[in-house]
Amino acid sequence: MYLLSRITIGFARLLVKKEIVPMPNFKVFPVFAAFCWGVVLWLFEHHTDVLQGALVKSMTFLYKDSNYWTDFRTFMIRNK
């Protein structure tokens, strides 16, 4: 994702440099990053099977498993 975002921003800068698109009057990267994470979250909620396994495990821990804990160990050290 890191490389794809850098390539996309570079391509957008090239389009501005060649005057194919006008220079935006706001910071583009935060909008692009938010869009990317929005797509990832949507895929995670609705089409988990198409995502990479490591990403699914991380997101499951962050967005599902972390909602449930029974004691200090499962709250701070390890959950599930």
PDB file of N, CA and C in Angstrom:
ATOM      1  N   MET A   1       0.829  -1.185   0.000  1.00  0.00           N
ATOM      2  CA  MET A   1       0.000   0.000   0.000  1.00  0.00           C
ATOM      3  C   MET A   1       0.874   1.249   0.000  1.00  0.00           C
ATOM      4  N   TYR A   2       1.975   1.204   0.719  1.00  0.00           N
ATOM      5  CA  TYR A   2       2.856   2.363   0.779  1.00  0.00           C
ATOM      6  C   TYR A   2       3.350   2.720  -0.618  1.00  0.00           C
ATOM      7  N   LEU A   3       3.845   1.741  -1.345  1.00  0.00           N
ATOM      8  CA  LEU A   3       4.390   2.003  -2.673  1.00  0.00           C
ATOM      9  C   LEU A   3       3.296   2.438  -3.644  1.00  0.00           C
ATOM     10  N   LEU A   4       2.162   1.788  -3.601  1.00  0.00           N
ATOM     11  CA  LEU A   4       1.066   2.159  -4.498  1.00  0.00           C
ATOM     12  C   LEU A   4       0.643   3.605  -4.275  1.00  0.00           C
ATOM     13  N   SER A   5       0.544   4.016  -3.030  1.00  0.00           N
ATOM     14  CA  SER A   5       0.134   5.396  -2.760  1.00  0.00           C
ATOM     15  C   SER A   5       1.173   6.387  -3.259  1.00  0.00           C
ATOM     16  N   ARG A   6       2.457   6.084  -3.096  1.00  0.00           N
ATOM     17  CA  ARG A   6       3.520   6.982  -3.574  1.00  0.00           C
ATOM     18  C   ARG A   6       3.528   7.070  -5.098  1.00  0.00           C
ATOM     19  N   ILE A   7       3.308   5.943  -5.765  1.00  0.00           N
ATOM     20  CA  ILE A   7       3.259   5.949  -7.225  1.00  0.00           C
ATOM     21  C   ILE A   7       2.059   6.759  -7.713  1.00  0.00           C
ATOM     22  N   THR A   8       0.915   6.582  -7.068  1.00  0.00           N
ATOM     23  CA  THR A   8      -0.289   7.303  -7.466  1.00  0.00           C
ATOM     24  C   THR A   8      -0.110   8.804  -7.294  1.00  0.00           C
ATOM     25  N   ILE A   9       0.457   9.228  -6.169  1.00  0.00           N
ATOM     26  CA  ILE A   9       0.704  10.656  -5.944  1.00  0.00           C
ATOM     27  C   ILE A   9       1.707  11.181  -6.971  1.00  0.00           C
ATOM     28  N   GLY A  10       2.748  10.406  -7.259  1.00  0.00           N
ATOM     29  CA  GLY A  10       3.717  10.812  -8.276  1.00  0.00           C
ATOM     30  C   GLY A  10       3.072  10.970  -9.645  1.00  0.00           C
ATOM     31  N   PHE A  11       2.188  10.050  -9.990  1.00  0.00           N
ATOM     32  CA  PHE A  11       1.483  10.136 -11.264  1.00  0.00           C
ATOM     33  C   PHE A  11       0.591  11.376 -11.304  1.00  0.00           C
ATOM     34  N   ALA A  12      -0.078  11.667 -10.192  1.00  0.00           N
ATOM     35  CA  ALA A  12      -0.913  12.871 -10.124  1.00  0.00           C
ATOM     36  C   ALA A  12      -0.060  14.128 -10.288  1.00  0.00           C
ATOM     37  N   ARG A  13       1.112  14.156  -9.673  1.00  0.00           N
ATOM     38  CA  ARG A  13       2.012  15.308  -9.829  1.00  0.00           C
ATOM     39  C   ARG A  13       2.468  15.460 -11.278  1.00  0.00           C
ATOM     40  N   LEU A  14       2.707  14.337 -11.947  1.00  0.00           N
ATOM     41  CA  LEU A  14       3.091  14.378 -13.356  1.00  0.00           C
ATOM     42  C   LEU A  14       1.972  14.985 -14.201  1.00  0.00           C
ATOM     43  N   LEU A  15       0.729  14.607 -13.910  1.00  0.00           N
ATOM     44  CA  LEU A  15      -0.408  15.170 -14.642  1.00  0.00           C
ATOM     45  C   LEU A  15      -0.506  16.676 -14.436  1.00  0.00           C
ATOM     46  N   VAL A  16      -0.212  17.146 -13.220  1.00  0.00           N
ATOM     47  CA  VAL A  16      -0.212  18.585 -12.948  1.00  0.00           C
ATOM     48  C   VAL A  16       0.945  19.253 -13.686  1.00  0.00           C
ATOM     49  N   LYS A  17       2.113  18.634 -13.629  1.00  0.00           N
ATOM     50  CA  LYS A  17       3.307  19.188 -14.281  1.00  0.00           C
ATOM     51  C   LYS A  17       3.095  19.344 -15.785  1.00  0.00           C
ATOM     52  N   LYS A  18       2.441  18.373 -16.399  1.00  0.00           N
ATOM     53  CA  LYS A  18       2.185  18.428 -17.842  1.00  0.00           C
ATOM     54  C   LYS A  18       0.922  19.227 -18.157  1.00  0.00           C
ATOM     55  N   GLU A  19       0.336  19.832 -17.141  1.00  0.00           N
ATOM     56  CA  GLU A  19      -0.854  20.681 -17.260  1.00  0.00           C
ATOM     57  C   GLU A  19      -2.051  19.941 -17.854  1.00  0.00           C
ATOM     58  N   ILE A  20      -2.136  18.653 -17.531  1.00  0.00           N
ATOM     59  CA  ILE A  20      -3.292  17.861 -17.953  1.00  0.00           C
ATOM     60  C   ILE A  20      -4.446  18.075 -16.975  1.00  0.00           C
ATOM     61  N   VAL A  21      -4.114  18.213 -15.703  1.00  0.00           N
ATOM     62  CA  VAL A  21      -5.102  18.546 -14.670  1.00  0.00           C
ATOM     63  C   VAL A  21      -4.599  19.775 -13.911  1.00  0.00           C
ATOM     64  N   PRO A  22      -5.507  20.586 -13.367  1.00  0.00           N
ATOM     65  CA  PRO A  22      -5.064  21.767 -12.618  1.00  0.00           C
ATOM     66  C   PRO A  22      -4.514  21.385 -11.243  1.00  0.00           C
ATOM     67  N   MET A  23      -3.674  22.249 -10.712  1.00  0.00           N
ATOM     68  CA  MET A  23      -3.120  22.053  -9.369  1.00  0.00           C
ATOM     69  C   MET A  23      -4.247  22.188  -8.346  1.00  0.00           C
ATOM     70  N   PRO A  24      -4.459  21.168  -7.508  1.00  0.00           N
ATOM     71  CA  PRO A  24      -5.522  21.282  -6.499  1.00  0.00           C
ATOM     72  C   PRO A  24      -5.148  22.324  -5.443  1.00  0.00           C
ATOM     73  N   ASN A  25      -6.152  22.924  -4.836  1.00  0.00           N
ATOM     74  CA  ASN A  25      -5.901  23.938  -3.810  1.00  0.00           C
ATOM     75  C   ASN A  25      -6.034  23.358  -2.396  1.00  0.00           C
ATOM     76  N   PHE A  26      -5.854  22.057  -2.267  1.00  0.00           N
ATOM     77  CA  PHE A  26      -5.881  21.384  -0.968  1.00  0.00           C
ATOM     78  C   PHE A  26      -4.877  20.240  -0.999  1.00  0.00           C
ATOM     79  N   LYS A  27      -4.550  19.702   0.171  1.00  0.00           N
ATOM     80  CA  LYS A  27      -3.610  18.584   0.249  1.00  0.00           C
ATOM     81  C   LYS A  27      -4.311  17.308  -0.202  1.00  0.00           C
ATOM     82  N   VAL A  28      -3.747  16.676  -1.209  1.00  0.00           N
ATOM     83  CA  VAL A  28      -4.380  15.517  -1.830  1.00  0.00           C
ATOM     84  C   VAL A  28      -4.100  14.231  -1.060  1.00  0.00           C
ATOM     85  N   PHE A  29      -2.886  14.071  -0.536  1.00  0.00           N
ATOM     86  CA  PHE A  29      -2.513  12.794   0.071  1.00  0.00           C
ATOM     87  C   PHE A  29      -3.432  12.379   1.225  1.00  0.00           C
ATOM     88  N   PRO A  30      -3.795  13.272   2.158  1.00  0.00           N
ATOM     89  CA  PRO A  30      -4.712  12.836   3.228  1.00  0.00           C
ATOM     90  C   PRO A  30      -6.056  12.335   2.694  1.00  0.00           C
ATOM     91  N   VAL A  31      -6.552  12.962   1.649  1.00  0.00           N
ATOM     92  CA  VAL A  31      -7.817  12.522   1.052  1.00  0.00           C
ATOM     93  C   VAL A  31      -7.641  11.143   0.415  1.00  0.00           C
ATOM     94  N   PHE A  32      -6.537  10.961  -0.303  1.00  0.00           N
ATOM     95  CA  PHE A  32      -6.248   9.676  -0.940  1.00  0.00           C
ATOM     96  C   PHE A  32      -6.084   8.575   0.107  1.00  0.00           C
ATOM     97  N   ALA A  33      -5.346   8.866   1.179  1.00  0.00           N
ATOM     98  CA  ALA A  33      -5.132   7.876   2.238  1.00  0.00           C
ATOM     99  C   ALA A  33      -6.454   7.500   2.908  1.00  0.00           C
ATOM    100  N   ALA A  34      -7.298   8.495   3.169  1.00  0.00           N
ATOM    101  CA  ALA A  34      -8.602   8.220   3.779  1.00  0.00           C
ATOM    102  C   ALA A  34      -9.465   7.363   2.853  1.00  0.00           C
ATOM    103  N   PHE A  35      -9.415   7.655   1.565  1.00  0.00           N
ATOM    104  CA  PHE A  35     -10.164   6.854   0.595  1.00  0.00           C
ATOM    105  C   PHE A  35      -9.678   5.406   0.591  1.00  0.00           C
ATOM    106  N   CYS A  36      -8.351   5.221   0.590  1.00  0.00           N
ATOM    107  CA  CYS A  36      -7.785   3.862   0.594  1.00  0.00           C
ATOM    108  C   CYS A  36      -8.225   3.087   1.824  1.00  0.00           C
ATOM    109  N   TRP A  37      -8.134   3.712   3.004  1.00  0.00           N
ATOM    110  CA  TRP A  37      -8.543   3.014   4.219  1.00  0.00           C
ATOM    111  C   TRP A  37     -10.048   2.774   4.248  1.00  0.00           C
ATOM    112  N   GLY A  38     -10.801   3.685   3.666  1.00  0.00           N
ATOM    113  CA  GLY A  38     -12.240   3.465   3.563  1.00  0.00           C
ATOM    114  C   GLY A  38     -12.561   2.231   2.738  1.00  0.00           C
ATOM    115  N   VAL A  39     -11.839   2.062   1.629  1.00  0.00           N
ATOM    116  CA  VAL A  39     -12.029   0.885   0.779  1.00  0.00           C
ATOM    117  C   VAL A  39     -11.631  -0.380   1.530  1.00  0.00           C
ATOM    118  N   VAL A  40     -10.506  -0.329   2.240  1.00  0.00           N
ATOM    119  CA  VAL A  40     -10.054  -1.497   3.006  1.00  0.00           C
ATOM    120  C   VAL A  40     -11.085  -1.869   4.069  1.00  0.00           C
ATOM    121  N   LEU A  41     -11.608  -0.881   4.790  1.00  0.00           N
ATOM    122  CA  LEU A  41     -12.615  -1.164   5.817  1.00  0.00           C
ATOM    123  C   LEU A  41     -13.886  -1.746   5.208  1.00  0.00           C
ATOM    124  N   TRP A  42     -14.293  -1.217   4.071  1.00  0.00           N
ATOM    125  CA  TRP A  42     -15.482  -1.748   3.403  1.00  0.00           C
ATOM    126  C   TRP A  42     -15.250  -3.196   2.976  1.00  0.00           C
ATOM    127  N   LEU A  43     -14.083  -3.460   2.373  1.00  0.00           N
ATOM    128  CA  LEU A  43     -13.765  -4.836   1.981  1.00  0.00           C
ATOM    129  C   LEU A  43     -13.722  -5.755   3.195  1.00  0.00           C
ATOM    130  N   PHE A  44     -13.158  -5.280   4.293  1.00  0.00           N
ATOM    131  CA  PHE A  44     -13.074  -6.088   5.514  1.00  0.00           C
ATOM    132  C   PHE A  44     -14.465  -6.445   6.034  1.00  0.00           C
ATOM    133  N   GLU A  45     -15.375  -5.507   5.981  1.00  0.00           N
ATOM    134  CA  GLU A  45     -16.726  -5.756   6.494  1.00  0.00           C
ATOM    135  C   GLU A  45     -17.582  -6.601   5.549  1.00  0.00           C
ATOM    136  N   HIS A  46     -17.389  -6.449   4.249  1.00  0.00           N
ATOM    137  CA  HIS A  46     -18.311  -7.074   3.300  1.00  0.00           C
ATOM    138  C   HIS A  46     -17.705  -8.175   2.425  1.00  0.00           C
ATOM    139  N   HIS A  47     -16.381  -8.172   2.243  1.00  0.00           N
ATOM    140  CA  HIS A  47     -15.734  -9.152   1.360  1.00  0.00           C
ATOM    141  C   HIS A  47     -14.377  -9.562   1.929  1.00  0.00           C
ATOM    142  N   THR A  48     -14.365 -10.043   3.148  1.00  0.00           N
ATOM    143  CA  THR A  48     -13.121 -10.388   3.842  1.00  0.00           C
ATOM    144  C   THR A  48     -12.282 -11.390   3.063  1.00  0.00           C
ATOM    145  N   ASP A  49     -12.925 -12.285   2.356  1.00  0.00           N
ATOM    146  CA  ASP A  49     -12.207 -13.360   1.657  1.00  0.00           C
ATOM    147  C   ASP A  49     -11.266 -12.865   0.556  1.00  0.00           C
ATOM    148  N   VAL A  50     -11.406 -11.630   0.096  1.00  0.00           N
ATOM    149  CA  VAL A  50     -10.535 -11.137  -0.975  1.00  0.00           C
ATOM    150  C   VAL A  50      -9.285 -10.428  -0.453  1.00  0.00           C
ATOM    151  N   LEU A  51      -9.198 -10.214   0.856  1.00  0.00           N
ATOM    152  CA  LEU A  51      -8.048  -9.518   1.437  1.00  0.00           C
ATOM    153  C   LEU A  51      -6.948 -10.496   1.820  1.00  0.00           C
ATOM    154  N   GLN A  52      -5.726  -9.989   1.896  1.00  0.00           N
ATOM    155  CA  GLN A  52      -4.573 -10.789   2.309  1.00  0.00           C
ATOM    156  C   GLN A  52      -4.789 -11.276   3.739  1.00  0.00           C
ATOM    157  N   GLY A  53      -4.370 -12.505   4.014  1.00  0.00           N
ATOM    158  CA  GLY A  53      -4.590 -13.125   5.318  1.00  0.00           C
ATOM    159  C   GLY A  53      -4.036 -12.338   6.489  1.00  0.00           C
ATOM    160  N   ALA A  54      -2.814 -11.824   6.360  1.00  0.00           N
ATOM    161  CA  ALA A  54      -2.206 -11.067   7.458  1.00  0.00           C
ATOM    162  C   ALA A  54      -2.992  -9.792   7.752  1.00  0.00           C
ATOM    163  N   LEU A  55      -3.499  -9.141   6.707  1.00  0.00           N
ATOM    164  CA  LEU A  55      -4.302  -7.934   6.903  1.00  0.00           C
ATOM    165  C   LEU A  55      -5.602  -8.278   7.615  1.00  0.00           C
ATOM    166  N   VAL A  56      -6.221  -9.379   7.220  1.00  0.00           N
ATOM    167  CA  VAL A  56      -7.474  -9.805   7.862  1.00  0.00           C
ATOM    168  C   VAL A  56      -7.240 -10.103   9.337  1.00  0.00           C
ATOM    169  N   LYS A  57      -6.152 -10.796   9.662  1.00  0.00           N
ATOM    170  CA  LYS A  57      -5.860 -11.108  11.065  1.00  0.00           C
ATOM    171  C   LYS A  57      -5.639  -9.843  11.880  1.00  0.00           C
ATOM    172  N   SER A  58      -4.875  -8.904  11.341  1.00  0.00           N
ATOM    173  CA  SER A  58      -4.623  -7.651  12.056  1.00  0.00           C
ATOM    174  C   SER A  58      -5.909  -6.870  12.260  1.00  0.00           C
ATOM    175  N   MET A  59      -6.704  -6.775  11.215  1.00  0.00           N
ATOM    176  CA  MET A  59      -7.940  -6.005  11.323  1.00  0.00           C
ATOM    177  C   MET A  59      -8.961  -6.703  12.210  1.00  0.00           C
ATOM    178  N   THR A  60      -8.984  -8.027  12.197  1.00  0.00           N
ATOM    179  CA  THR A  60      -9.873  -8.758  13.103  1.00  0.00           C
ATOM    180  C   THR A  60      -9.500  -8.463  14.546  1.00  0.00           C
ATOM    181  N   PHE A  61      -8.209  -8.478  14.844  1.00  0.00           N
ATOM    182  CA  PHE A  61      -7.765  -8.166  16.198  1.00  0.00           C
ATOM    183  C   PHE A  61      -8.142  -6.736  16.574  1.00  0.00           C
ATOM    184  N   LEU A  62      -7.895  -5.784  15.682  1.00  0.00           N
ATOM    185  CA  LEU A  62      -8.154  -4.377  15.993  1.00  0.00           C
ATOM    186  C   LEU A  62      -9.635  -4.039  16.085  1.00  0.00           C
ATOM    187  N   TYR A  63     -10.434  -4.540  15.149  1.00  0.00           N
ATOM    188  CA  TYR A  63     -11.815  -4.088  15.046  1.00  0.00           C
ATOM    189  C   TYR A  63     -12.856  -5.046  15.603  1.00  0.00           C
ATOM    190  N   LYS A  64     -12.481  -6.279  15.878  1.00  0.00           N
ATOM    191  CA  LYS A  64     -13.463  -7.234  16.403  1.00  0.00           C
ATOM    192  C   LYS A  64     -13.052  -7.778  17.772  1.00  0.00           C
ATOM    193  N   ASP A  65     -11.870  -8.426  17.838  1.00  0.00           N
ATOM    194  CA  ASP A  65     -11.439  -9.056  19.085  1.00  0.00           C
ATOM    195  C   ASP A  65     -11.198  -8.051  20.203  1.00  0.00           C
ATOM    196  N   SER A  66     -10.766  -6.854  19.872  1.00  0.00           N
ATOM    197  CA  SER A  66     -10.448  -5.871  20.911  1.00  0.00           C
ATOM    198  C   SER A  66     -11.696  -5.339  21.616  1.00  0.00           C
ATOM    199  N   ASN A  67     -12.860  -5.657  21.112  1.00  0.00           N
ATOM    200  CA  ASN A  67     -14.099  -5.230  21.761  1.00  0.00           C
ATOM    201  C   ASN A  67     -14.449  -6.080  22.980  1.00  0.00           C
ATOM    202  N   TYR A  68     -13.788  -7.237  23.116  1.00  0.00           N
ATOM    203  CA  TYR A  68     -14.128  -8.169  24.187  1.00  0.00           C
ATOM    204  C   TYR A  68     -12.909  -8.474  25.041  1.00  0.00           C
ATOM    205  N   TRP A  69     -13.045  -8.258  26.338  1.00  0.00           N
ATOM    206  CA  TRP A  69     -11.980  -8.609  27.272  1.00  0.00           C
ATOM    207  C   TRP A  69     -12.603  -8.930  28.613  1.00  0.00           C
ATOM    208  N   THR A  70     -11.927  -9.804  29.365  1.00  0.00           N
ATOM    209  CA  THR A  70     -12.488 -10.258  30.635  1.00  0.00           C
ATOM    210  C   THR A  70     -11.646  -9.865  31.839  1.00  0.00           C
ATOM    211  N   ASP A  71     -10.364  -9.624  31.647  1.00  0.00           N
ATOM    212  CA  ASP A  71      -9.497  -9.244  32.761  1.00  0.00           C
ATOM    213  C   ASP A  71      -8.319  -8.424  32.226  1.00  0.00           C
ATOM    214  N   PHE A  72      -7.388  -8.087  33.102  1.00  0.00           N
ATOM    215  CA  PHE A  72      -6.241  -7.266  32.713  1.00  0.00           C
ATOM    216  C   PHE A  72      -5.430  -7.930  31.608  1.00  0.00           C
ATOM    217  N   ARG A  73      -5.225  -9.235  31.703  1.00  0.00           N
ATOM    218  CA  ARG A  73      -4.415  -9.947  30.714  1.00  0.00           C
ATOM    219  C   ARG A  73      -5.013  -9.828  29.315  1.00  0.00           C
ATOM    220  N   THR A  74      -6.311 -10.042  29.184  1.00  0.00           N
ATOM    221  CA  THR A  74      -6.924  -9.952  27.856  1.00  0.00           C
ATOM    222  C   THR A  74      -7.131  -8.504  27.414  1.00  0.00           C
ATOM    223  N   PHE A  75      -7.099  -7.575  28.358  1.00  0.00           N
ATOM    224  CA  PHE A  75      -7.247  -6.160  28.001  1.00  0.00           C
ATOM    225  C   PHE A  75      -5.932  -5.552  27.523  1.00  0.00           C
ATOM    226  N   MET A  76      -4.832  -5.842  28.212  1.00  0.00           N
ATOM    227  CA  MET A  76      -3.557  -5.186  27.924  1.00  0.00           C
ATOM    228  C   MET A  76      -2.513  -6.078  27.250  1.00  0.00           C
ATOM    229  N   ILE A  77      -2.566  -7.365  27.444  1.00  0.00           N
ATOM    230  CA  ILE A  77      -1.480  -8.219  26.967  1.00  0.00           C
ATOM    231  C   ILE A  77      -1.876  -8.986  25.711  1.00  0.00           C
ATOM    232  N   ARG A  78      -2.886  -9.809  25.823  1.00  0.00           N
ATOM    233  CA  ARG A  78      -3.287 -10.596  24.662  1.00  0.00           C
ATOM    234  C   ARG A  78      -4.769 -10.911  24.739  1.00  0.00           C
ATOM    235  N   ASN A  79      -5.434 -10.745  23.624  1.00  0.00           N
ATOM    236  CA  ASN A  79      -6.857 -11.020  23.545  1.00  0.00           C
ATOM    237  C   ASN A  79      -7.080 -12.096  22.497  1.00  0.00           C
ATOM    238  N   LYS A  80      -7.695 -13.170  22.897  1.00  0.00           N
ATOM    239  CA  LYS A  80      -7.973 -14.338  22.047  1.00  0.00           C
ATOM    240  C   LYS A  80      -6.682 -14.914  21.612  1.00  0.00           C
TER     241      LYS A  80
END
